[in-house]
């Protein structure tokens, strides 16, 4: 009986988080949709990754990077291409990924609200020596198979969402 109750509670949490409303905002303080190229998502060729699975929001180094939605920080660290990165799990089981940060302001397990500072714009990782910017990606943990296509790495479109659509700026 306890296992069944625990399973129902987990199912309830899953459904609530899937249905939770969100209204994501641009994750660089003071930025507008004019601060990135609208066609940068899935642009190719794009270095080692083949295609660009996000957008690059340009701003001065040190400009605050803020969470576009509420959620929980699930990763803070350094990755080869991304440099200093942070990932936030938000509503609808989406990971909001922030790369090339100058610094990170949160740790795994932190609960964040829309507008909580997670770091600042930088040029770490493979952005070293390039104009400072935030690489922002949105990834769904629940695949959207109808989004897959025959583009280069098109099967990954089941997971990588167009940030222009997520941020509702296209």
C-alpha atoms as a PDB file:
ATOM      1  CA  UNK A   1       0.000   0.000   0.000  1.00  0.00           C
ATOM      2  CA  UNK A   2       2.859   2.399   0.832  1.00  0.00           C
ATOM      3  CA  UNK A   3       4.513   1.718  -2.536  1.00  0.00           C
ATOM      4  CA  UNK A   4       1.280   2.451  -4.371  1.00  0.00           C
ATOM      5  CA  UNK A   5       0.842   5.710  -2.448  1.00  0.00           C
ATOM      6  CA  UNK A   6       4.436   6.746  -3.148  1.00  0.00           C
ATOM      7  CA  UNK A   7       3.959   5.950  -6.836  1.00  0.00           C
ATOM      8  CA  UNK A   8       0.785   8.039  -6.953  1.00  0.00           C
ATOM      9  CA  UNK A   9       2.577  10.941  -5.268  1.00  0.00           C
ATOM     10  CA  UNK A  10       5.429  10.745  -7.803  1.00  0.00           C
ATOM     11  CA  UNK A  11       2.953  10.562 -10.674  1.00  0.00           C
ATOM     12  CA  UNK A  12       1.152  13.596  -9.261  1.00  0.00           C
ATOM     13  CA  UNK A  13       4.412  15.544  -9.025  1.00  0.00           C
ATOM     14  CA  UNK A  14       5.280  14.575 -12.594  1.00  0.00           C
ATOM     15  CA  UNK A  15       1.892  15.714 -13.916  1.00  0.00           C
ATOM     16  CA  UNK A  16       1.869  18.962 -11.923  1.00  0.00           C
ATOM     17  CA  UNK A  17       5.387  19.876 -13.113  1.00  0.00           C
ATOM     18  CA  UNK A  18       4.410  19.024 -16.693  1.00  0.00           C
ATOM     19  CA  UNK A  19       1.306  21.224 -16.513  1.00  0.00           C
ATOM     20  CA  UNK A  20       2.913  24.051 -14.528  1.00  0.00           C
ATOM     21  CA  UNK A  21       2.559  27.347 -16.343  1.00  0.00           C
ATOM     22  CA  UNK A  22       5.597  29.293 -17.462  1.00  0.00           C
ATOM     23  CA  UNK A  23       6.246  32.590 -19.157  1.00  0.00           C
ATOM     24  CA  UNK A  24       9.993  32.602 -19.792  1.00  0.00           C
ATOM     25  CA  UNK A  25      11.827  35.908 -20.061  1.00  0.00           C
ATOM     26  CA  UNK A  26      15.063  36.752 -21.887  1.00  0.00           C
ATOM     27  CA  UNK A  27      17.879  35.436 -19.668  1.00  0.00           C
ATOM     28  CA  UNK A  28      20.272  38.402 -20.039  1.00  0.00           C
ATOM     29  CA  UNK A  29      19.369  41.439 -17.980  1.00  0.00           C
ATOM     30  CA  UNK A  30      18.408  44.339 -20.230  1.00  0.00           C
ATOM     31  CA  UNK A  31      18.629  42.307 -23.465  1.00  0.00           C
ATOM     32  CA  UNK A  32      16.043  42.306 -26.223  1.00  0.00           C
ATOM     33  CA  UNK A  33      15.548  40.016 -29.200  1.00  0.00           C
ATOM     34  CA  UNK A  34      17.803  42.404 -31.162  1.00  0.00           C
ATOM     35  CA  UNK A  35      20.790  41.125 -29.144  1.00  0.00           C
ATOM     36  CA  UNK A  36      20.952  37.785 -31.001  1.00  0.00           C
ATOM     37  CA  UNK A  37      20.476  36.575 -34.546  1.00  0.00           C
ATOM     38  CA  UNK A  38      16.981  35.074 -34.892  1.00  0.00           C
ATOM     39  CA  UNK A  39      18.222  32.326 -37.225  1.00  0.00           C
ATOM     40  CA  UNK A  40      21.114  31.150 -35.039  1.00  0.00           C
ATOM     41  CA  UNK A  41      19.170  28.123 -33.748  1.00  0.00           C
ATOM     42  CA  UNK A  42      20.117  25.011 -35.716  1.00  0.00           C
ATOM     43  CA  UNK A  43      22.516  27.018 -37.870  1.00  0.00           C
ATOM     44  CA  UNK A  44      25.261  24.982 -39.526  1.00  0.00           C
ATOM     45  CA  UNK A  45      28.146  24.455 -39.858  1.00  0.00           C
ATOM     46  CA  UNK A  46      28.901  25.274 -36.244  1.00  0.00           C
ATOM     47  CA  UNK A  47      32.307  24.022 -35.098  1.00  0.00           C
ATOM     48  CA  UNK A  48      32.639  20.713 -33.274  1.00  0.00           C
ATOM     49  CA  UNK A  49      28.946  20.536 -32.431  1.00  0.00           C
ATOM     50  CA  UNK A  50      27.955  20.576 -36.134  1.00  0.00           C
ATOM     51  CA  UNK A  51      24.825  22.662 -35.610  1.00  0.00           C
ATOM     52  CA  UNK A  52      24.111  25.486 -33.162  1.00  0.00           C
ATOM     53  CA  UNK A  53      21.566  24.162 -30.684  1.00  0.00           C
ATOM     54  CA  UNK A  54      20.713  27.489 -29.087  1.00  0.00           C
ATOM     55  CA  UNK A  55      21.108  31.229 -29.415  1.00  0.00           C
ATOM     56  CA  UNK A  56      23.982  33.545 -28.479  1.00  0.00           C
ATOM     57  CA  UNK A  57      22.792  36.650 -26.649  1.00  0.00           C
ATOM     58  CA  UNK A  58      25.493  39.320 -26.872  1.00  0.00           C
ATOM     59  CA  UNK A  59      26.090  41.714 -23.974  1.00  0.00           C
ATOM     60  CA  UNK A  60      28.935  43.315 -22.062  1.00  0.00           C
ATOM     61  CA  UNK A  61      31.042  40.959 -19.956  1.00  0.00           C
ATOM     62  CA  UNK A  62      29.668  40.818 -16.439  1.00  0.00           C
ATOM     63  CA  UNK A  63      26.051  41.586 -17.419  1.00  0.00           C
ATOM     64  CA  UNK A  64      23.778  39.516 -15.139  1.00  0.00           C
ATOM     65  CA  UNK A  65      22.374  36.271 -16.547  1.00  0.00           C
ATOM     66  CA  UNK A  66      19.019  35.542 -14.933  1.00  0.00           C
ATOM     67  CA  UNK A  67      16.786  32.513 -14.836  1.00  0.00           C
ATOM     68  CA  UNK A  68      14.064  32.893 -17.472  1.00  0.00           C
ATOM     69  CA  UNK A  69      11.645  30.897 -15.307  1.00  0.00           C
ATOM     70  CA  UNK A  70      11.268  29.336 -11.878  1.00  0.00           C
ATOM     71  CA  UNK A  71      12.845  25.974 -11.192  1.00  0.00           C
ATOM     72  CA  UNK A  72      15.716  24.183  -9.536  1.00  0.00           C
ATOM     73  CA  UNK A  73      19.407  24.351 -10.409  1.00  0.00           C
ATOM     74  CA  UNK A  74      20.463  20.862 -11.517  1.00  0.00           C
ATOM     75  CA  UNK A  75      24.032  21.573 -12.689  1.00  0.00           C
ATOM     76  CA  UNK A  76      26.837  24.039 -12.161  1.00  0.00           C
ATOM     77  CA  UNK A  77      30.265  23.298 -13.559  1.00  0.00           C
ATOM     78  CA  UNK A  78      32.708  23.617 -16.412  1.00  0.00           C
ATOM     79  CA  UNK A  79      32.440  21.881 -19.759  1.00  0.00           C
ATOM     80  CA  UNK A  80      34.918  21.933 -22.636  1.00  0.00           C
ATOM     81  CA  UNK A  81      32.785  23.762 -25.198  1.00  0.00           C
ATOM     82  CA  UNK A  82      30.482  25.630 -22.833  1.00  0.00           C
ATOM     83  CA  UNK A  83      33.048  26.790 -20.301  1.00  0.00           C
ATOM     84  CA  UNK A  84      31.351  27.798 -17.060  1.00  0.00           C
ATOM     85  CA  UNK A  85      27.752  26.599 -17.276  1.00  0.00           C
ATOM     86  CA  UNK A  86      24.556  26.411 -15.225  1.00  0.00           C
ATOM     87  CA  UNK A  87      21.433  24.341 -15.927  1.00  0.00           C
ATOM     88  CA  UNK A  88      17.994  24.957 -14.413  1.00  0.00           C
ATOM     89  CA  UNK A  89      15.119  22.460 -14.522  1.00  0.00           C
ATOM     90  CA  UNK A  90      11.966  24.466 -15.133  1.00  0.00           C
ATOM     91  CA  UNK A  91       8.298  23.703 -15.710  1.00  0.00           C
ATOM     92  CA  UNK A  92       7.279  21.281 -18.450  1.00  0.00           C
ATOM     93  CA  UNK A  93      10.422  19.277 -17.654  1.00  0.00           C
ATOM     94  CA  UNK A  94      12.643  21.685 -19.597  1.00  0.00           C
ATOM     95  CA  UNK A  95      16.305  22.293 -18.903  1.00  0.00           C
ATOM     96  CA  UNK A  96      17.412  25.894 -19.406  1.00  0.00           C
ATOM     97  CA  UNK A  97      21.150  25.814 -20.198  1.00  0.00           C
ATOM     98  CA  UNK A  98      23.455  28.816 -19.821  1.00  0.00           C
ATOM     99  CA  UNK A  99      27.033  28.631 -21.186  1.00  0.00           C
ATOM    100  CA  UNK A 100      30.183  30.779 -21.524  1.00  0.00           C
ATOM    101  CA  UNK A 101      29.511  32.387 -18.134  1.00  0.00           C
ATOM    102  CA  UNK A 102      32.122  34.643 -16.557  1.00  0.00           C
ATOM    103  CA  UNK A 103      30.963  33.427 -13.145  1.00  0.00           C
ATOM    104  CA  UNK A 104      28.197  31.338 -11.600  1.00  0.00           C
ATOM    105  CA  UNK A 105      25.955  32.563  -8.770  1.00  0.00           C
ATOM    106  CA  UNK A 106      23.977  29.414  -7.910  1.00  0.00           C
ATOM    107  CA  UNK A 107      24.605  25.809  -6.898  1.00  0.00           C
ATOM    108  CA  UNK A 108      22.765  22.534  -7.566  1.00  0.00           C
ATOM    109  CA  UNK A 109      19.633  22.315  -5.479  1.00  0.00           C
ATOM    110  CA  UNK A 110      19.008  26.085  -5.376  1.00  0.00           C
ATOM    111  CA  UNK A 111      15.421  27.031  -6.068  1.00  0.00           C
ATOM    112  CA  UNK A 112      15.250  29.977  -8.446  1.00  0.00           C
ATOM    113  CA  UNK A 113      12.492  32.336  -9.510  1.00  0.00           C
ATOM    114  CA  UNK A 114      12.158  34.196 -12.779  1.00  0.00           C
ATOM    115  CA  UNK A 115      14.863  36.862 -12.651  1.00  0.00           C
ATOM    116  CA  UNK A 116      17.158  35.144 -10.118  1.00  0.00           C
ATOM    117  CA  UNK A 117      20.783  35.786 -11.069  1.00  0.00           C
ATOM    118  CA  UNK A 118      22.495  32.538 -12.107  1.00  0.00           C
ATOM    119  CA  UNK A 119      25.769  34.057 -13.351  1.00  0.00           C
ATOM    120  CA  UNK A 120      27.117  36.718 -15.673  1.00  0.00           C
ATOM    121  CA  UNK A 121      27.917  37.012 -19.370  1.00  0.00           C
ATOM    122  CA  UNK A 122      31.430  35.917 -20.295  1.00  0.00           C
ATOM    123  CA  UNK A 123      33.572  34.204 -22.902  1.00  0.00           C
ATOM    124  CA  UNK A 124      34.575  30.897 -21.310  1.00  0.00           C
ATOM    125  CA  UNK A 125      34.907  27.568 -23.117  1.00  0.00           C
ATOM    126  CA  UNK A 126      35.074  27.722 -26.898  1.00  0.00           C
ATOM    127  CA  UNK A 127      33.968  31.398 -26.764  1.00  0.00           C
ATOM    128  CA  UNK A 128      37.385  32.456 -25.416  1.00  0.00           C
ATOM    129  CA  UNK A 129      38.601  35.497 -27.323  1.00  0.00           C
ATOM    130  CA  UNK A 130      35.207  36.079 -28.967  1.00  0.00           C
ATOM    131  CA  UNK A 131      32.749  38.846 -28.022  1.00  0.00           C
ATOM    132  CA  UNK A 132      31.156  38.093 -24.635  1.00  0.00           C
ATOM    133  CA  UNK A 133      27.787  36.405 -24.899  1.00  0.00           C
ATOM    134  CA  UNK A 134      25.453  33.932 -23.264  1.00  0.00           C
ATOM    135  CA  UNK A 135      24.776  30.713 -25.131  1.00  0.00           C
ATOM    136  CA  UNK A 136      21.203  29.816 -24.149  1.00  0.00           C
ATOM    137  CA  UNK A 137      19.540  26.493 -24.953  1.00  0.00           C
ATOM    138  CA  UNK A 138      16.259  24.951 -23.894  1.00  0.00           C
ATOM    139  CA  UNK A 139      16.042  21.155 -23.779  1.00  0.00           C
ATOM    140  CA  UNK A 140      12.965  19.065 -23.053  1.00  0.00           C
ATOM    141  CA  UNK A 141      13.394  15.870 -21.063  1.00  0.00           C
ATOM    142  CA  UNK A 142      10.196  14.561 -22.646  1.00  0.00           C
ATOM    143  CA  UNK A 143      10.846  14.038 -26.362  1.00  0.00           C
ATOM    144  CA  UNK A 144       8.705  15.725 -29.011  1.00  0.00           C
ATOM    145  CA  UNK A 145       9.098  13.123 -31.811  1.00  0.00           C
ATOM    146  CA  UNK A 146       7.060  15.190 -34.300  1.00  0.00           C
ATOM    147  CA  UNK A 147       9.840  17.827 -34.293  1.00  0.00           C
ATOM    148  CA  UNK A 148      12.490  15.468 -35.679  1.00  0.00           C
ATOM    149  CA  UNK A 149      13.395  16.058 -39.302  1.00  0.00           C
ATOM    150  CA  UNK A 150      16.053  15.188 -41.870  1.00  0.00           C
ATOM    151  CA  UNK A 151      18.297  18.190 -41.071  1.00  0.00           C
ATOM    152  CA  UNK A 152      21.818  17.529 -39.799  1.00  0.00           C
ATOM    153  CA  UNK A 153      21.312  15.925 -36.353  1.00  0.00           C
ATOM    154  CA  UNK A 154      17.591  16.526 -36.938  1.00  0.00           C
ATOM    155  CA  UNK A 155      16.619  13.717 -34.562  1.00  0.00           C
ATOM    156  CA  UNK A 156      17.947  15.920 -31.721  1.00  0.00           C
ATOM    157  CA  UNK A 157      15.210  18.455 -32.450  1.00  0.00           C
ATOM    158  CA  UNK A 158      13.000  16.130 -30.384  1.00  0.00           C
ATOM    159  CA  UNK A 159      14.894  17.476 -27.369  1.00  0.00           C
ATOM    160  CA  UNK A 160      16.389  20.859 -28.297  1.00  0.00           C
ATOM    161  CA  UNK A 161      13.725  23.551 -28.476  1.00  0.00           C
ATOM    162  CA  UNK A 162      14.040  26.754 -30.484  1.00  0.00           C
ATOM    163  CA  UNK A 163      14.768  29.441 -27.843  1.00  0.00           C
ATOM    164  CA  UNK A 164      12.949  32.002 -30.012  1.00  0.00           C
ATOM    165  CA  UNK A 165       9.773  29.968 -29.492  1.00  0.00           C
ATOM    166  CA  UNK A 166      10.441  29.212 -25.826  1.00  0.00           C
ATOM    167  CA  UNK A 167      10.985  32.925 -25.136  1.00  0.00           C
ATOM    168  CA  UNK A 168       8.046  33.771 -27.455  1.00  0.00           C
ATOM    169  CA  UNK A 169      10.026  36.365 -29.412  1.00  0.00           C
ATOM    170  CA  UNK A 170       9.938  35.024 -32.980  1.00  0.00           C
END
